[in-house]
PDB file of N, CA and C in Angstrom:
ATOM      1  N   MET A   1      59.298-148.804  -0.099  1.00  0.00           N
ATOM      2  CA  MET A   1      59.847-149.420   0.711  1.00  0.00           C
ATOM      3  C   MET A   1      59.033-150.399   2.214  1.00  0.00           C
ATOM      4  N   GLN A   2      58.094-150.305   1.918  1.00  0.00           N
ATOM      5  CA  GLN A   2      56.871-151.290   2.098  1.00  0.00           C
ATOM      6  C   GLN A   2      56.621-149.957   3.892  1.00  0.00           C
ATOM      7  N   ASN A   3      56.514-148.494   3.866  1.00  0.00           N
ATOM      8  CA  ASN A   3      56.442-147.994   5.383  1.00  0.00           C
ATOM      9  C   ASN A   3      57.021-148.567   6.247  1.00  0.00           C
ATOM     10  N   ARG A   4      58.564-148.322   5.488  1.00  0.00           N
ATOM     11  CA  ARG A   4      59.458-148.688   6.760  1.00  0.00           C
ATOM     12  C   ARG A   4      60.765-147.299   7.361  1.00  0.00           C
ATOM     13  N   TRP A   5      60.022-145.909   6.650  1.00  0.00           N
ATOM     14  CA  TRP A   5      61.035-145.277   6.260  1.00  0.00           C
ATOM     15  C   TRP A   5      60.930-144.319   6.970  1.00  0.00           C
ATOM     16  N   LEU A   6      61.144-144.504   8.525  1.00  0.00           N
ATOM     17  CA  LEU A   6      60.394-144.300   9.936  1.00  0.00           C
ATOM     18  C   LEU A   6      61.630-144.341  10.705  1.00  0.00           C
ATOM     19  N   GLY A   7      62.583-145.178  10.042  1.00  0.00           N
ATOM     20  CA  GLY A   7      63.984-144.789  11.034  1.00  0.00           C
ATOM     21  C   GLY A   7      64.701-144.185  11.181  1.00  0.00           C
ATOM     22  N   HIS A   8      66.061-143.963  12.724  1.00  0.00           N
ATOM     23  CA  HIS A   8      66.541-143.004  12.445  1.00  0.00           C
ATOM     24  C   HIS A   8      67.350-144.166  12.860  1.00  0.00           C
ATOM     25  N   GLY A   9      68.807-142.582  13.010  1.00  0.00           N
ATOM     26  CA  GLY A   9      70.026-143.056  13.869  1.00  0.00           C
ATOM     27  C   GLY A   9      70.422-144.001  12.989  1.00  0.00           C
ATOM     28  N   LYS A  10      70.769-144.954  14.267  1.00  0.00           N
ATOM     29  CA  LYS A  10      71.288-146.123  13.068  1.00  0.00           C
ATOM     30  C   LYS A  10      70.597-147.212  12.916  1.00  0.00           C
ATOM     31  N   TRP A  11      69.465-147.211  12.643  1.00  0.00           N
ATOM     32  CA  TRP A  11      68.061-148.471  12.227  1.00  0.00           C
ATOM     33  C   TRP A  11      68.070-147.328  11.057  1.00  0.00           C
ATOM     34  N   LEU A  12      68.078-146.104  10.640  1.00  0.00           N
ATOM     35  CA  LEU A  12      68.137-145.884   9.186  1.00  0.00           C
ATOM     36  C   LEU A  12      69.015-146.661   8.960  1.00  0.00           C
ATOM     37  N   LEU A  13      70.433-146.712   8.290  1.00  0.00           N
ATOM     38  CA  LEU A  13      70.744-147.732   8.468  1.00  0.00           C
ATOM     39  C   LEU A  13      70.200-149.274   7.986  1.00  0.00           C
ATOM     40  N   ARG A  14      69.899-149.622   9.006  1.00  0.00           N
ATOM     41  CA  ARG A  14      69.287-151.115   9.081  1.00  0.00           C
ATOM     42  C   ARG A  14      68.780-151.267   8.379  1.00  0.00           C
ATOM     43  N   ARG A  15      67.370-150.312   8.598  1.00  0.00           N
ATOM     44  CA  ARG A  15      66.223-149.782   7.223  1.00  0.00           C
ATOM     45  C   ARG A  15      66.469-150.459   5.362  1.00  0.00           C
ATOM     46  N   LEU A  16      67.484-149.128   5.211  1.00  0.00           N
ATOM     47  CA  LEU A  16      67.949-149.070   4.304  1.00  0.00           C
ATOM     48  C   LEU A  16      68.807-150.614   3.790  1.00  0.00           C
ATOM     49  N   ARG A  17      69.104-151.192   4.661  1.00  0.00           N
ATOM     50  CA  ARG A  17      70.185-152.284   4.321  1.00  0.00           C
ATOM     51  C   ARG A  17      68.610-153.493   4.295  1.00  0.00           C
ATOM     52  N   ASP A  18      68.204-153.712   4.693  1.00  0.00           N
ATOM     53  CA  ASP A  18      67.152-154.454   5.079  1.00  0.00           C
ATOM     54  C   ASP A  18      66.045-153.991   3.190  1.00  0.00           C
ATOM     55  N   ALA A  19      65.787-152.783   2.691  1.00  0.00           N
ATOM     56  CA  ALA A  19      65.376-152.689   2.022  1.00  0.00           C
ATOM     57  C   ALA A  19      65.719-152.923   0.556  1.00  0.00           C
ATOM     58  N   LYS A  20      67.463-153.814   1.123  1.00  0.00           N
ATOM     59  CA  LYS A  20      67.962-153.637  -0.530  1.00  0.00           C
ATOM     60  C   LYS A  20      67.785-152.696  -1.229  1.00  0.00           C
ATOM     61  N   ALA A  21      68.628-150.744  -0.287  1.00  0.00           N
ATOM     62  CA  ALA A  21      69.051-149.990  -0.857  1.00  0.00           C
ATOM     63  C   ALA A  21      70.778-149.635  -0.419  1.00  0.00           C
ATOM     64  N   ASP A  22      70.882-151.059  -1.710  1.00  0.00           N
ATOM     65  CA  ASP A  22      72.489-150.534  -1.037  1.00  0.00           C
ATOM     66  C   ASP A  22      73.221-149.422  -2.330  1.00  0.00           C
ATOM     67  N   GLU A  23      72.556-149.542  -3.113  1.00  0.00           N
ATOM     68  CA  GLU A  23      73.158-147.721  -3.593  1.00  0.00           C
ATOM     69  C   GLU A  23      73.350-146.286  -2.826  1.00  0.00           C
ATOM     70  N   LEU A  24      72.125-146.712  -2.298  1.00  0.00           N
ATOM     71  CA  LEU A  24      71.857-145.323  -1.803  1.00  0.00           C
ATOM     72  C   LEU A  24      72.562-145.005  -0.609  1.00  0.00           C
ATOM     73  N   VAL A  25      72.741-146.556   0.435  1.00  0.00           N
ATOM     74  CA  VAL A  25      73.761-146.124   1.452  1.00  0.00           C
ATOM     75  C   VAL A  25      75.545-146.105   1.135  1.00  0.00           C
ATOM     76  N   ASP A  26      75.379-146.730  -0.492  1.00  0.00           N
ATOM     77  CA  ASP A  26      76.920-146.388  -0.875  1.00  0.00           C
ATOM     78  C   ASP A  26      77.574-145.296  -1.459  1.00  0.00           C
ATOM     79  N   ALA A  27      76.122-144.274  -1.885  1.00  0.00           N
ATOM     80  CA  ALA A  27      76.160-142.618  -2.029  1.00  0.00           C
ATOM     81  C   ALA A  27      76.180-141.866  -0.766  1.00  0.00           C
ATOM     82  N   TYR A  28      75.584-142.320  -0.045  1.00  0.00           N
ATOM     83  CA  TYR A  28      75.339-141.676   1.593  1.00  0.00           C
ATOM     84  C   TYR A  28      77.090-141.745   2.167  1.00  0.00           C
ATOM     85  N   ARG A  29      78.050-143.167   2.058  1.00  0.00           N
ATOM     86  CA  ARG A  29      79.434-143.129   2.624  1.00  0.00           C
ATOM     87  C   ARG A  29      79.905-142.183   2.087  1.00  0.00           C
ATOM     88  N   ALA A  30      79.670-142.075   0.464  1.00  0.00           N
ATOM     89  CA  ALA A  30      81.020-141.030  -0.456  1.00  0.00           C
ATOM     90  C   ALA A  30      80.272-139.835   0.305  1.00  0.00           C
ATOM     91  N   LEU A  31      79.273-139.493  -0.075  1.00  0.00           N
ATOM     92  CA  LEU A  31      78.556-138.127   0.981  1.00  0.00           C
ATOM     93  C   LEU A  31      79.326-137.735   1.882  1.00  0.00           C
ATOM     94  N   VAL A  32      79.585-138.521   2.897  1.00  0.00           N
ATOM     95  CA  VAL A  32      79.209-138.267   4.244  1.00  0.00           C
ATOM     96  C   VAL A  32      81.339-138.849   4.346  1.00  0.00           C
ATOM     97  N   ARG A  33      81.898-138.769   3.070  1.00  0.00           N
ATOM     98  CA  ARG A  33      83.521-139.129   2.781  1.00  0.00           C
ATOM     99  C   ARG A  33      84.112-138.025   2.374  1.00  0.00           C
ATOM    100  N   GLY A  34      82.958-136.432   1.565  1.00  0.00           N
ATOM    101  CA  GLY A  34      83.209-135.620   1.519  1.00  0.00           C
ATOM    102  C   GLY A  34      83.532-135.830  -0.609  1.00  0.00           C
ATOM    103  N   GLU A  35      83.336-136.447  -0.697  1.00  0.00           N
ATOM    104  CA  GLU A  35      82.596-137.137  -2.137  1.00  0.00           C
ATOM    105  C   GLU A  35      82.445-136.035  -3.245  1.00  0.00           C
ATOM    106  N   GLY A  36      81.099-135.065  -2.609  1.00  0.00           N
ATOM    107  CA  GLY A  36      80.803-134.786  -3.272  1.00  0.00           C
ATOM    108  C   GLY A  36      79.286-134.439  -2.970  1.00  0.00           C
ATOM    109  N   ALA A  37      78.054-133.850  -4.024  1.00  0.00           N
ATOM    110  CA  ALA A  37      77.131-134.676  -3.049  1.00  0.00           C
ATOM    111  C   ALA A  37      75.403-135.102  -4.522  1.00  0.00           C
ATOM    112  N   GLU A  38      77.152-135.153  -5.873  1.00  0.00           N
ATOM    113  CA  GLU A  38      75.991-135.989  -6.840  1.00  0.00           C
ATOM    114  C   GLU A  38      75.327-136.344  -6.816  1.00  0.00           C
ATOM    115  N   TRP A  39      76.308-137.774  -6.775  1.00  0.00           N
ATOM    116  CA  TRP A  39      75.592-139.226  -6.821  1.00  0.00           C
ATOM    117  C   TRP A  39      74.403-139.395  -5.720  1.00  0.00           C
ATOM    118  N   PHE A  40      74.998-138.907  -4.755  1.00  0.00           N
ATOM    119  CA  PHE A  40      74.114-139.442  -3.923  1.00  0.00           C
ATOM    120  C   PHE A  40      72.467-138.411  -4.208  1.00  0.00           C
ATOM    121  N   ILE A  41      72.592-136.875  -4.810  1.00  0.00           N
ATOM    122  CA  ILE A  41      71.089-136.035  -4.832  1.00  0.00           C
ATOM    123  C   ILE A  41      70.262-136.808  -6.032  1.00  0.00           C
ATOM    124  N   GLU A  42      71.436-137.671  -6.870  1.00  0.00           N
ATOM    125  CA  GLU A  42      71.253-138.836  -8.109  1.00  0.00           C
ATOM    126  C   GLU A  42      69.949-139.546  -7.932  1.00  0.00           C
ATOM    127  N   VAL A  43      70.672-140.830  -6.681  1.00  0.00           N
ATOM    128  CA  VAL A  43      70.330-141.430  -6.030  1.00  0.00           C
ATOM    129  C   VAL A  43      69.001-141.078  -4.578  1.00  0.00           C
ATOM    130  N   VAL A  44      69.221-140.260  -4.690  1.00  0.00           N
ATOM    131  CA  VAL A  44      67.613-140.434  -3.766  1.00  0.00           C
ATOM    132  C   VAL A  44      66.837-139.502  -4.751  1.00  0.00           C
ATOM    133  N   GLU A  45      66.434-138.482  -5.524  1.00  0.00           N
ATOM    134  CA  GLU A  45      65.821-138.419  -6.837  1.00  0.00           C
ATOM    135  C   GLU A  45      65.104-139.837  -7.269  1.00  0.00           C
ATOM    136  N   HIS A  46      65.947-140.978  -7.192  1.00  0.00           N
ATOM    137  CA  HIS A  46      65.086-141.678  -8.314  1.00  0.00           C
ATOM    138  C   HIS A  46      64.343-142.532  -7.462  1.00  0.00           C
ATOM    139  N   VAL A  47      65.110-142.438  -5.730  1.00  0.00           N
ATOM    140  CA  VAL A  47      64.105-143.373  -4.801  1.00  0.00           C
ATOM    141  C   VAL A  47      62.581-142.780  -4.460  1.00  0.00           C
ATOM    142  N   LEU A  48      62.762-141.018  -4.509  1.00  0.00           N
ATOM    143  CA  LEU A  48      61.710-140.271  -4.298  1.00  0.00           C
ATOM    144  C   LEU A  48      60.712-141.121  -5.044  1.00  0.00           C
ATOM    145  N   GLU A  49      60.959-141.124  -6.687  1.00  0.00           N
ATOM    146  CA  GLU A  49      60.738-140.517  -7.877  1.00  0.00           C
ATOM    147  C   GLU A  49      60.383-142.395  -7.898  1.00  0.00           C
ATOM    148  N   SER A  50      60.621-143.573  -7.268  1.00  0.00           N
ATOM    149  CA  SER A  50      60.009-144.606  -7.011  1.00  0.00           C
ATOM    150  C   SER A  50      58.944-144.723  -6.636  1.00  0.00           C
ATOM    151  N   ALA A  51      58.824-143.964  -5.620  1.00  0.00           N
ATOM    152  CA  ALA A  51      57.685-144.342  -4.231  1.00  0.00           C
ATOM    153  C   ALA A  51      57.009-142.915  -4.768  1.00  0.00           C
ATOM    154  N   GLY A  52      57.055-142.046  -5.678  1.00  0.00           N
ATOM    155  CA  GLY A  52      55.281-141.348  -5.854  1.00  0.00           C
ATOM    156  C   GLY A  52      56.093-140.543  -6.345  1.00  0.00           C
ATOM    157  N   GLY A  53      57.549-140.099  -6.568  1.00  0.00           N
ATOM    158  CA  GLY A  53      57.561-138.298  -6.317  1.00  0.00           C
ATOM    159  C   GLY A  53      57.431-137.998  -4.257  1.00  0.00           C
ATOM    160  N   ARG A  54      57.872-136.201  -5.144  1.00  0.00           N
ATOM    161  CA  ARG A  54      58.258-135.433  -4.138  1.00  0.00           C
ATOM    162  C   ARG A  54      57.318-135.234  -3.170  1.00  0.00           C
ATOM    163  N   LEU A  55      57.399-134.973  -1.745  1.00  0.00           N
ATOM    164  CA  LEU A  55      55.583-134.448  -1.349  1.00  0.00           C
ATOM    165  C   LEU A  55      55.923-132.947  -1.709  1.00  0.00           C
ATOM    166  N   GLU A  56      54.633-131.969  -2.332  1.00  0.00           N
ATOM    167  CA  GLU A  56      54.309-130.902  -2.081  1.00  0.00           C
ATOM    168  C   GLU A  56      54.274-130.387  -0.782  1.00  0.00           C
ATOM    169  N   ALA A  57      54.865-128.766  -1.037  1.00  0.00           N
ATOM    170  CA  ALA A  57      55.096-127.735   0.334  1.00  0.00           C
ATOM    171  C   ALA A  57      53.148-128.128   1.088  1.00  0.00           C
ATOM    172  N   GLY A  58      53.693-127.922   1.962  1.00  0.00           N
ATOM    173  CA  GLY A  58      52.826-127.576   2.604  1.00  0.00           C
ATOM    174  C   GLY A  58      51.694-129.155   2.942  1.00  0.00           C
ATOM    175  N   TYR A  59      52.242-130.299   2.995  1.00  0.00           N
ATOM    176  CA  TYR A  59      51.772-131.470   3.371  1.00  0.00           C
ATOM    177  C   TYR A  59      51.671-131.235   4.351  1.00  0.00           C
ATOM    178  N   ARG A  60      50.883-132.298   5.404  1.00  0.00           N
ATOM    179  CA  ARG A  60      50.815-132.151   6.710  1.00  0.00           C
ATOM    180  C   ARG A  60      49.897-133.807   7.026  1.00  0.00           C
ATOM    181  N   ARG A  61      50.320-134.711   7.206  1.00  0.00           N
ATOM    182  CA  ARG A  61      50.100-136.015   8.042  1.00  0.00           C
ATOM    183  C   ARG A  61      48.681-136.095   8.396  1.00  0.00           C
ATOM    184  N   ALA A  62      47.923-136.699   8.805  1.00  0.00           N
ATOM    185  CA  ALA A  62      47.333-136.637  10.067  1.00  0.00           C
ATOM    186  C   ALA A  62      47.465-137.660  10.840  1.00  0.00           C
ATOM    187  N   ALA A  63      46.964-137.369  12.471  1.00  0.00           N
ATOM    188  CA  ALA A  63      47.930-138.084  13.408  1.00  0.00           C
ATOM    189  C   ALA A  63      46.425-139.287  13.264  1.00  0.00           C
ATOM    190  N   PRO A  64      47.110-140.912  13.178  1.00  0.00           N
ATOM    191  CA  PRO A  64      45.820-141.578  13.598  1.00  0.00           C
ATOM    192  C   PRO A  64      45.023-141.521  15.001  1.00  0.00           C
ATOM    193  N   PRO A  65      43.460-141.581  14.562  1.00  0.00           N
ATOM    194  CA  PRO A  65      43.545-141.284  15.891  1.00  0.00           C
ATOM    195  C   PRO A  65      43.642-142.415  17.025  1.00  0.00           C
ATOM    196  N   ARG A  66      43.493-142.130  18.504  1.00  0.00           N
ATOM    197  CA  ARG A  66      43.910-143.046  19.485  1.00  0.00           C
ATOM    198  C   ARG A  66      42.425-143.390  20.149  1.00  0.00           C
TER     199      ARG A  66
END
């Protein structure tokens, strides 16, 4: 997603749209409507795999130097 995963709130949806993640947005909307989490989980797993997989427990990201 080209380093654009830091969206929050309304910006998250905009970032996903910019990244052409329509299926992820559709699956999220279905989840919010109460249609079950299975599709959303499947799509999220695919997105994570395409980005290199899940992070391991204990992962830390160093703050950039000031």
